[in-house]
Amino acid sequence: MLIRHDRPLLAIDILLDVAFHAGRGEEVTGAGDIAERLGAARRGIEPLLQALSRAGLLDSLRGPRGGYRLGRAPRDMTLLDVATAATAEEEGGPEGAGRLSAAVTLPFWQELEGGLREKLAAVTIDDLLRRAAARGLRRPVQEPLNFAI
């Protein structure tokens, strides 16, 4: 399987957004909110939300207060897990590869993919959350409602 960058990158963005805004607790974030923050169309991210939910990376809660939260702790989700879930339904390698491609280009691409897989396996969603904090991004704090007059 050759990893394409568009779906896995968007899936990583989705998981990071959910981790940043909802985490794994009781809070959830809606698909519309995720799409808006990512500058993406809701219809465009829904297949990835479903794939990430099927892989157990997201929990999906239905109903008027529904939305998404992390399915596992951020430290237990590697970027390779996310990329694999995002590309699980895609077809295999290129069609109609000629002799030169089969002998040179495809093995080279698989070598690059192996290096990419190693890098993705070494980084977790928690690592990305730490990078966000290091760049001054602060997770939203849910203030408890106070009805005192």
Protein backbone atom coordinates (compact mmCIF):
# COMPACT_ATOMS: atom_id res chain seq x y z
CA MET A 1 0.00 0.00 0.00
CA LEU A 2 1.42 3.37 -0.96
CA ILE A 3 0.59 6.16 1.46
CA ARG A 4 -0.92 9.20 -0.19
CA HIS A 5 -0.53 12.36 1.81
CA ASP A 6 -3.92 14.05 1.45
CA ARG A 7 -6.19 11.69 3.41
CA PRO A 8 -3.68 10.81 6.16
CA LEU A 9 -2.74 14.46 6.67
CA LEU A 10 -6.38 15.50 6.97
CA ALA A 11 -7.03 12.56 9.32
CA ILE A 12 -4.12 13.67 11.52
CA ASP A 13 -5.54 17.21 11.53
CA ILE A 14 -8.96 15.85 12.54
CA LEU A 15 -7.54 13.75 15.39
CA LEU A 16 -5.39 16.62 16.61
CA ASP A 17 -8.39 18.97 16.49
CA VAL A 18 -10.52 16.55 18.53
CA ALA A 19 -7.67 15.98 21.00
CA PHE A 20 -7.16 19.72 21.33
CA HIS A 21 -10.82 20.70 21.71
CA ALA A 22 -12.48 17.67 23.32
CA GLY A 23 -9.88 15.15 24.41
CA ARG A 24 -10.96 11.84 25.86
CA GLY A 25 -13.22 12.96 28.72
CA GLU A 26 -16.88 13.82 28.65
CA GLU A 27 -16.51 16.75 26.25
CA VAL A 28 -17.28 16.19 22.56
CA THR A 29 -16.89 18.33 19.47
CA GLY A 30 -19.20 18.26 16.48
CA ALA A 31 -18.30 17.46 12.89
CA GLY A 32 -19.40 20.93 11.80
CA ASP A 33 -17.12 22.57 14.36
CA ILE A 34 -14.19 20.38 13.30
CA ALA A 35 -14.77 21.19 9.63
CA GLU A 36 -15.02 24.91 10.34
CA ARG A 37 -11.78 24.99 12.35
CA LEU A 38 -9.97 23.03 9.63
CA GLY A 39 -11.41 25.12 6.80
CA ALA A 40 -12.85 21.96 5.24
CA ALA A 41 -16.28 20.94 4.02
CA ARG A 42 -18.21 18.84 6.52
CA ARG A 43 -19.15 16.39 3.75
CA GLY A 44 -15.46 16.10 2.94
CA ILE A 45 -14.39 15.06 6.45
CA GLU A 46 -17.28 12.75 7.28
CA PRO A 47 -15.78 9.67 5.55
CA LEU A 48 -12.59 10.19 7.54
CA LEU A 49 -14.53 10.65 10.79
CA GLN A 50 -16.24 7.33 10.08
CA ALA A 51 -12.95 5.58 9.24
CA LEU A 52 -11.31 6.93 12.41
CA SER A 53 -14.33 5.80 14.44
CA ARG A 54 -14.24 2.30 12.90
CA ALA A 55 -10.54 2.08 13.79
CA GLY A 56 -11.32 2.97 17.42
CA LEU A 57 -9.38 6.23 17.27
CA LEU A 58 -12.53 8.31 17.76
CA ASP A 59 -15.66 7.71 19.78
CA SER A 60 -18.81 8.90 18.05
CA LEU A 61 -21.70 10.02 20.25
CA ARG A 62 -25.09 10.50 18.62
CA GLY A 63 -27.91 12.80 19.60
CA PRO A 64 -28.40 16.51 20.17
CA ARG A 65 -25.30 16.71 22.37
CA GLY A 66 -23.38 14.30 20.20
CA GLY A 67 -20.06 14.66 18.52
CA TYR A 68 -16.61 13.14 18.66
CA ARG A 69 -14.00 12.54 21.32
CA LEU A 70 -10.84 10.48 21.36
CA GLY A 71 -11.29 6.72 21.44
CA ARG A 72 -7.94 6.17 23.15
CA ALA A 73 -5.45 8.21 25.11
CA PRO A 74 -3.41 10.55 22.85
CA ARG A 75 -0.18 8.86 23.97
CA ASP A 76 -1.55 5.55 22.62
CA MET A 77 -2.26 6.81 19.09
CA THR A 78 0.62 6.97 16.65
CA LEU A 79 0.41 8.92 13.44
CA LEU A 80 0.90 5.58 11.66
CA ASP A 81 -2.34 4.36 13.30
CA VAL A 82 -4.10 7.43 11.90
CA ALA A 83 -2.57 7.12 8.41
CA THR A 84 -3.43 3.42 8.28
CA ALA A 85 -7.05 4.08 9.27
CA ALA A 86 -7.32 6.89 6.71
CA THR A 87 -6.01 4.78 3.84
CA ALA A 88 -7.51 1.39 4.76
CA GLU A 89 -10.18 1.62 2.06
CA GLU A 90 -7.89 2.81 -0.73
CA GLU A 91 -6.69 0.53 -3.47
CA GLY A 92 -3.16 -0.83 -3.63
CA GLY A 93 -0.26 0.45 -5.73
CA PRO A 94 -0.23 1.97 -9.21
CA GLU A 95 -1.84 0.14 -12.10
CA GLY A 96 -0.04 -0.85 -15.29
CA ALA A 97 3.50 -0.28 -14.04
CA GLY A 98 6.04 -0.99 -16.77
CA ARG A 99 9.30 -2.94 -16.38
CA LEU A 100 11.36 0.11 -15.50
CA SER A 101 8.81 1.29 -12.97
CA ALA A 102 8.51 -2.18 -11.43
CA ALA A 103 12.30 -2.56 -11.23
CA VAL A 104 13.31 0.94 -10.12
CA THR A 105 10.61 3.49 -9.31
CA LEU A 106 8.23 1.32 -7.30
CA PRO A 107 10.96 -0.23 -5.09
CA PHE A 108 12.38 3.26 -4.49
CA TRP A 109 8.93 4.55 -3.54
CA GLN A 110 8.43 1.59 -1.18
CA GLU A 111 11.79 2.41 0.42
CA LEU A 112 10.63 5.99 1.00
CA GLU A 113 7.34 4.71 2.36
CA GLY A 114 9.21 2.50 4.82
CA GLY A 115 11.06 5.53 6.17
CA LEU A 116 7.82 7.49 6.40
CA ARG A 117 6.14 4.63 8.26
CA GLU A 118 8.99 4.56 10.78
CA LYS A 119 8.64 8.31 11.38
CA LEU A 120 4.85 8.11 11.69
CA ALA A 121 5.12 5.19 14.14
CA ALA A 122 7.46 7.23 16.35
CA VAL A 123 5.10 10.21 16.82
CA THR A 124 1.86 10.22 18.82
CA ILE A 125 -1.09 12.58 18.99
CA ASP A 126 0.20 13.50 22.46
CA ASP A 127 3.51 14.57 20.86
CA LEU A 128 1.58 16.88 18.53
CA LEU A 129 -0.37 18.33 21.46
CA ARG A 130 2.97 19.12 23.12
CA ARG A 131 4.15 20.81 19.91
CA ALA A 132 1.00 22.93 19.90
CA ALA A 133 1.64 23.98 23.52
CA ALA A 134 5.28 24.77 22.71
CA ARG A 135 4.06 27.11 19.97
CA GLY A 136 1.84 28.96 22.43
CA LEU A 137 -1.49 27.35 21.52
CA ARG A 138 -3.66 26.78 24.56
CA ARG A 139 -6.46 24.29 24.73
CA PRO A 140 -9.87 25.83 25.38
CA VAL A 141 -10.89 25.70 29.02
CA GLN A 142 -14.47 24.84 29.77
CA GLU A 143 -15.55 27.15 32.56
CA PRO A 144 -18.16 25.65 34.89
CA LEU A 145 -21.44 27.49 34.78
CA ASN A 146 -22.05 29.68 37.82
CA PHE A 147 -25.66 30.58 38.49
CA ALA A 148 -24.95 32.68 41.60
CA ILE A 149 -26.63 36.07 41.59
